Amino acid sequence: MSERAAPFYCPYCGDEDLRPSEENHSAWECAACNRAFQLKFLGLLARGFRNDRAGGEEI
């Protein structure tokens, strides 16, 4: 079982005073703006990683 990833800042106000929600174990609470939010991993993109320097060319 993996630990949950912790956000570094609130997506609404940008403050860093975050705490895990007691009601929902996948939610976070921001003390600065009094909002609760949830982060969800949707999956990997099908196209994979983009190589901006293909063939050694500078963009």
PDB file of N, CA and C in Angstrom:
ATOM      1  N   MET A   1       0.849  -1.180   0.000  1.00  0.00           N
ATOM      2  CA  MET A   1       0.000   0.000   0.000  1.00  0.00           C
ATOM      3  C   MET A   1       0.894   1.242   0.000  1.00  0.00           C
ATOM      4  N   SER A   2       0.569   2.201  -0.829  1.00  0.00           N
ATOM      5  CA  SER A   2       1.378   3.408  -0.909  1.00  0.00           C
ATOM      6  C   SER A   2       0.763   4.519  -0.066  1.00  0.00           C
ATOM      7  N   GLU A   3       1.628   5.430   0.371  1.00  0.00           N
ATOM      8  CA  GLU A   3       1.148   6.584   1.117  1.00  0.00           C
ATOM      9  C   GLU A   3       0.560   7.592   0.151  1.00  0.00           C
ATOM     10  N   ARG A   4      -0.349   8.411   0.646  1.00  0.00           N
ATOM     11  CA  ARG A   4      -0.954   9.413  -0.232  1.00  0.00           C
ATOM     12  C   ARG A   4       0.035  10.538  -0.491  1.00  0.00           C
ATOM     13  N   ALA A   5      -0.018  11.077  -1.678  1.00  0.00           N
ATOM     14  CA  ALA A   5       0.849  12.191  -2.042  1.00  0.00           C
ATOM     15  C   ALA A   5       0.285  13.466  -1.441  1.00  0.00           C
ATOM     16  N   ALA A   6       1.139  14.274  -0.885  1.00  0.00           N
ATOM     17  CA  ALA A   6       0.711  15.515  -0.249  1.00  0.00           C
ATOM     18  C   ALA A   6       0.895  16.691  -1.207  1.00  0.00           C
ATOM     19  N   PRO A   7      -0.121  17.521  -1.365  1.00  0.00           N
ATOM     20  CA  PRO A   7       0.040  18.721  -2.189  1.00  0.00           C
ATOM     21  C   PRO A   7       0.933  19.726  -1.465  1.00  0.00           C
ATOM     22  N   PHE A   8       1.637  20.545  -2.223  1.00  0.00           N
ATOM     23  CA  PHE A   8       2.534  21.539  -1.642  1.00  0.00           C
ATOM     24  C   PHE A   8       1.838  22.866  -1.370  1.00  0.00           C
ATOM     25  N   TYR A   9       0.749  23.137  -2.085  1.00  0.00           N
ATOM     26  CA  TYR A   9       0.027  24.393  -1.902  1.00  0.00           C
ATOM     27  C   TYR A   9      -1.426  24.217  -2.317  1.00  0.00           C
ATOM     28  N   CYS A  10      -2.270  25.116  -1.843  1.00  0.00           N
ATOM     29  CA  CYS A  10      -3.693  25.093  -2.166  1.00  0.00           C
ATOM     30  C   CYS A  10      -3.891  25.513  -3.622  1.00  0.00           C
ATOM     31  N   PRO A  11      -4.671  24.757  -4.407  1.00  0.00           N
ATOM     32  CA  PRO A  11      -4.891  25.136  -5.811  1.00  0.00           C
ATOM     33  C   PRO A  11      -5.780  26.371  -5.962  1.00  0.00           C
ATOM     34  N   TYR A  12      -6.420  26.827  -4.887  1.00  0.00           N
ATOM     35  CA  TYR A  12      -7.306  27.988  -4.956  1.00  0.00           C
ATOM     36  C   TYR A  12      -6.610  29.288  -4.543  1.00  0.00           C
ATOM     37  N   CYS A  13      -5.902  29.258  -3.412  1.00  0.00           N
ATOM     38  CA  CYS A  13      -5.300  30.506  -2.918  1.00  0.00           C
ATOM     39  C   CYS A  13      -3.773  30.475  -2.915  1.00  0.00           C
ATOM     40  N   GLY A  14      -3.165  29.306  -3.074  1.00  0.00           N
ATOM     41  CA  GLY A  14      -1.714  29.199  -3.128  1.00  0.00           C
ATOM     42  C   GLY A  14      -1.043  29.083  -1.774  1.00  0.00           C
ATOM     43  N   ASP A  15      -1.801  29.107  -0.694  1.00  0.00           N
ATOM     44  CA  ASP A  15      -1.217  29.020   0.644  1.00  0.00           C
ATOM     45  C   ASP A  15      -0.705  27.602   0.906  1.00  0.00           C
ATOM     46  N   GLU A  16       0.231  27.471   1.832  1.00  0.00           N
ATOM     47  CA  GLU A  16       0.841  26.182   2.127  1.00  0.00           C
ATOM     48  C   GLU A  16       0.355  25.562   3.432  1.00  0.00           C
ATOM     49  N   ASP A  17      -0.613  26.174   4.095  1.00  0.00           N
ATOM     50  CA  ASP A  17      -1.126  25.664   5.366  1.00  0.00           C
ATOM     51  C   ASP A  17      -2.238  24.647   5.105  1.00  0.00           C
ATOM     52  N   LEU A  18      -1.841  23.420   4.746  1.00  0.00           N
ATOM     53  CA  LEU A  18      -2.784  22.358   4.380  1.00  0.00           C
ATOM     54  C   LEU A  18      -2.763  21.244   5.414  1.00  0.00           C
ATOM     55  N   ARG A  19      -3.936  20.634   5.599  1.00  0.00           N
ATOM     56  CA  ARG A  19      -4.065  19.510   6.518  1.00  0.00           C
ATOM     57  C   ARG A  19      -4.951  18.447   5.875  1.00  0.00           C
ATOM     58  N   PRO A  20      -4.675  17.164   6.165  1.00  0.00           N
ATOM     59  CA  PRO A  20      -5.572  16.121   5.659  1.00  0.00           C
ATOM     60  C   PRO A  20      -6.965  16.283   6.263  1.00  0.00           C
ATOM     61  N   SER A  21      -7.982  16.036   5.475  1.00  0.00           N
ATOM     62  CA  SER A  21      -9.360  16.136   5.955  1.00  0.00           C
ATOM     63  C   SER A  21      -9.670  14.951   6.854  1.00  0.00           C
ATOM     64  N   GLU A  22     -10.371  15.198   7.934  1.00  0.00           N
ATOM     65  CA  GLU A  22     -10.750  14.115   8.839  1.00  0.00           C
ATOM     66  C   GLU A  22     -11.954  13.347   8.316  1.00  0.00           C
ATOM     67  N   GLU A  23     -12.798  13.989   7.528  1.00  0.00           N
ATOM     68  CA  GLU A  23     -14.010  13.348   7.020  1.00  0.00           C
ATOM     69  C   GLU A  23     -13.740  12.435   5.836  1.00  0.00           C
ATOM     70  N   ASN A  24     -12.886  12.862   4.920  1.00  0.00           N
ATOM     71  CA  ASN A  24     -12.590  12.094   3.709  1.00  0.00           C
ATOM     72  C   ASN A  24     -11.080  11.925   3.631  1.00  0.00           C
ATOM     73  N   HIS A  25     -10.610  10.696   3.603  1.00  0.00           N
ATOM     74  CA  HIS A  25      -9.171  10.447   3.673  1.00  0.00           C
ATOM     75  C   HIS A  25      -8.411  10.830   2.413  1.00  0.00           C
ATOM     76  N   SER A  26      -9.107  11.157   1.339  1.00  0.00           N
ATOM     77  CA  SER A  26      -8.409  11.578   0.126  1.00  0.00           C
ATOM     78  C   SER A  26      -8.553  13.078  -0.113  1.00  0.00           C
ATOM     79  N   ALA A  27      -9.073  13.805   0.870  1.00  0.00           N
ATOM     80  CA  ALA A  27      -9.278  15.249   0.723  1.00  0.00           C
ATOM     81  C   ALA A  27      -8.309  16.018   1.609  1.00  0.00           C
ATOM     82  N   TRP A  28      -8.097  17.265   1.240  1.00  0.00           N
ATOM     83  CA  TRP A  28      -7.223  18.178   1.978  1.00  0.00           C
ATOM     84  C   TRP A  28      -7.991  19.439   2.320  1.00  0.00           C
ATOM     85  N   GLU A  29      -7.636  20.066   3.437  1.00  0.00           N
ATOM     86  CA  GLU A  29      -8.268  21.303   3.876  1.00  0.00           C
ATOM     87  C   GLU A  29      -7.232  22.408   3.929  1.00  0.00           C
ATOM     88  N   CYS A  30      -7.604  23.580   3.432  1.00  0.00           N
ATOM     89  CA  CYS A  30      -6.730  24.748   3.465  1.00  0.00           C
ATOM     90  C   CYS A  30      -7.201  25.659   4.593  1.00  0.00           C
ATOM     91  N   ALA A  31      -6.325  25.967   5.530  1.00  0.00           N
ATOM     92  CA  ALA A  31      -6.673  26.823   6.660  1.00  0.00           C
ATOM     93  C   ALA A  31      -6.784  28.283   6.243  1.00  0.00           C
ATOM     94  N   ALA A  32      -6.111  28.672   5.166  1.00  0.00           N
ATOM     95  CA  ALA A  32      -6.108  30.073   4.746  1.00  0.00           C
ATOM     96  C   ALA A  32      -7.416  30.485   4.082  1.00  0.00           C
ATOM     97  N   CYS A  33      -7.940  29.674   3.159  1.00  0.00           N
ATOM     98  CA  CYS A  33      -9.158  30.053   2.430  1.00  0.00           C
ATOM     99  C   CYS A  33     -10.371  29.220   2.849  1.00  0.00           C
ATOM    100  N   ASN A  34     -10.163  28.296   3.798  1.00  0.00           N
ATOM    101  CA  ASN A  34     -11.251  27.488   4.354  1.00  0.00           C
ATOM    102  C   ASN A  34     -11.947  26.630   3.292  1.00  0.00           C
ATOM    103  N   ARG A  35     -11.174  26.112   2.339  1.00  0.00           N
ATOM    104  CA  ARG A  35     -11.716  25.240   1.301  1.00  0.00           C
ATOM    105  C   ARG A  35     -11.180  23.825   1.487  1.00  0.00           C
ATOM    106  N   ALA A  36     -11.967  22.875   1.033  1.00  0.00           N
ATOM    107  CA  ALA A  36     -11.535  21.483   0.992  1.00  0.00           C
ATOM    108  C   ALA A  36     -11.443  21.074  -0.473  1.00  0.00           C
ATOM    109  N   PHE A  37     -10.434  20.287  -0.804  1.00  0.00           N
ATOM    110  CA  PHE A  37     -10.260  19.853  -2.189  1.00  0.00           C
ATOM    111  C   PHE A  37      -9.677  18.459  -2.217  1.00  0.00           C
ATOM    112  N   GLN A  38      -9.772  17.838  -3.385  1.00  0.00           N
ATOM    113  CA  GLN A  38      -9.296  16.490  -3.597  1.00  0.00           C
ATOM    114  C   GLN A  38      -8.407  16.459  -4.830  1.00  0.00           C
ATOM    115  N   LEU A  39      -7.324  15.708  -4.768  1.00  0.00           N
ATOM    116  CA  LEU A  39      -6.449  15.521  -5.922  1.00  0.00           C
ATOM    117  C   LEU A  39      -6.631  14.097  -6.417  1.00  0.00           C
ATOM    118  N   LYS A  40      -6.636  13.929  -7.735  1.00  0.00           N
ATOM    119  CA  LYS A  40      -6.856  12.607  -8.304  1.00  0.00           C
ATOM    120  C   LYS A  40      -5.899  12.381  -9.472  1.00  0.00           C
ATOM    121  N   PHE A  41      -5.204  11.280  -9.446  1.00  0.00           N
ATOM    122  CA  PHE A  41      -4.327  10.882 -10.540  1.00  0.00           C
ATOM    123  C   PHE A  41      -5.179  10.217 -11.603  1.00  0.00           C
ATOM    124  N   LEU A  42      -5.155  10.749 -12.803  1.00  0.00           N
ATOM    125  CA  LEU A  42      -5.994  10.227 -13.880  1.00  0.00           C
ATOM    126  C   LEU A  42      -5.312   9.145 -14.696  1.00  0.00           C
ATOM    127  N   GLY A  43      -4.000   9.156 -14.789  1.00  0.00           N
ATOM    128  CA  GLY A  43      -3.275   8.149 -15.553  1.00  0.00           C
ATOM    129  C   GLY A  43      -2.185   8.773 -16.398  1.00  0.00           C
ATOM    130  N   LEU A  44      -1.470   7.940 -17.096  1.00  0.00           N
ATOM    131  CA  LEU A  44      -0.392   8.395 -17.965  1.00  0.00           C
ATOM    132  C   LEU A  44      -0.941   8.729 -19.340  1.00  0.00           C
ATOM    133  N   LEU A  45      -0.334   9.684 -19.991  1.00  0.00           N
ATOM    134  CA  LEU A  45      -0.739  10.051 -21.345  1.00  0.00           C
ATOM    135  C   LEU A  45      -0.258   8.992 -22.338  1.00  0.00           C
ATOM    136  N   ALA A  46      -1.033   8.728 -23.338  1.00  0.00           N
ATOM    137  CA  ALA A  46      -0.700   7.703 -24.321  1.00  0.00           C
ATOM    138  C   ALA A  46       0.516   8.080 -25.153  1.00  0.00           C
ATOM    139  N   ARG A  47       0.744   9.362 -25.372  1.00  0.00           N
ATOM    140  CA  ARG A  47       1.855   9.777 -26.222  1.00  0.00           C
ATOM    141  C   ARG A  47       3.205   9.670 -25.528  1.00  0.00           C
ATOM    142  N   GLY A  48       3.240   9.449 -24.230  1.00  0.00           N
ATOM    143  CA  GLY A  48       4.496   9.292 -23.511  1.00  0.00           C
ATOM    144  C   GLY A  48       5.215  10.616 -23.343  1.00  0.00           C
ATOM    145  N   PHE A  49       6.520  10.527 -23.195  1.00  0.00           N
ATOM    146  CA  PHE A  49       7.324  11.726 -22.994  1.00  0.00           C
ATOM    147  C   PHE A  49       7.657  12.377 -24.319  1.00  0.00           C
ATOM    148  N   ARG A  50       7.661  13.694 -24.325  1.00  0.00           N
ATOM    149  CA  ARG A  50       7.970  14.446 -25.535  1.00  0.00           C
ATOM    150  C   ARG A  50       9.451  14.776 -25.570  1.00  0.00           C
ATOM    151  N   ASN A  51      10.080  14.561 -26.694  1.00  0.00           N
ATOM    152  CA  ASN A  51      11.497  14.859 -26.852  1.00  0.00           C
ATOM    153  C   ASN A  51      11.631  16.123 -27.682  1.00  0.00           C
ATOM    154  N   ASP A  52      11.885  17.258 -27.029  1.00  0.00           N
ATOM    155  CA  ASP A  52      11.986  18.540 -27.719  1.00  0.00           C
ATOM    156  C   ASP A  52      13.298  18.704 -28.476  1.00  0.00           C
ATOM    157  N   ARG A  53      14.277  17.916 -28.154  1.00  0.00           N
ATOM    158  CA  ARG A  53      15.585  18.072 -28.790  1.00  0.00           C
ATOM    159  C   ARG A  53      15.912  16.875 -29.695  1.00  0.00           C
ATOM    160  N   ALA A  54      14.965  16.446 -30.446  1.00  0.00           N
ATOM    161  CA  ALA A  54      15.179  15.321 -31.360  1.00  0.00           C
ATOM    162  C   ALA A  54      16.240  15.676 -32.404  1.00  0.00           C
ATOM    163  N   GLY A  55      17.211  14.824 -32.565  1.00  0.00           N
ATOM    164  CA  GLY A  55      18.249  15.036 -33.555  1.00  0.00           C
ATOM    165  C   GLY A  55      19.258  16.106 -33.153  1.00  0.00           C
ATOM    166  N   GLY A  56      19.249  16.523 -31.883  1.00  0.00           N
ATOM    167  CA  GLY A  56      20.221  17.492 -31.398  1.00  0.00           C
ATOM    168  C   GLY A  56      19.912  18.931 -31.770  1.00  0.00           C
ATOM    169  N   GLU A  57      18.791  19.185 -32.382  1.00  0.00           N
ATOM    170  CA  GLU A  57      18.442  20.558 -32.779  1.00  0.00           C
ATOM    171  C   GLU A  57      17.949  21.354 -31.591  1.00  0.00           C
ATOM    172  N   GLU A  58      18.354  22.593 -31.510  1.00  0.00           N
ATOM    173  CA  GLU A  58      17.880  23.509 -30.463  1.00  0.00           C
ATOM    174  C   GLU A  58      16.614  24.186 -30.945  1.00  0.00           C
ATOM    175  N   ILE A  59      15.647  24.259 -30.077  1.00  0.00           N
ATOM    176  CA  ILE A  59      14.399  24.919 -30.435  1.00  0.00           C
ATOM    177  C   ILE A  59      14.358  26.298 -29.816  1.00  0.00           C
TER     178      ILE A  59
END
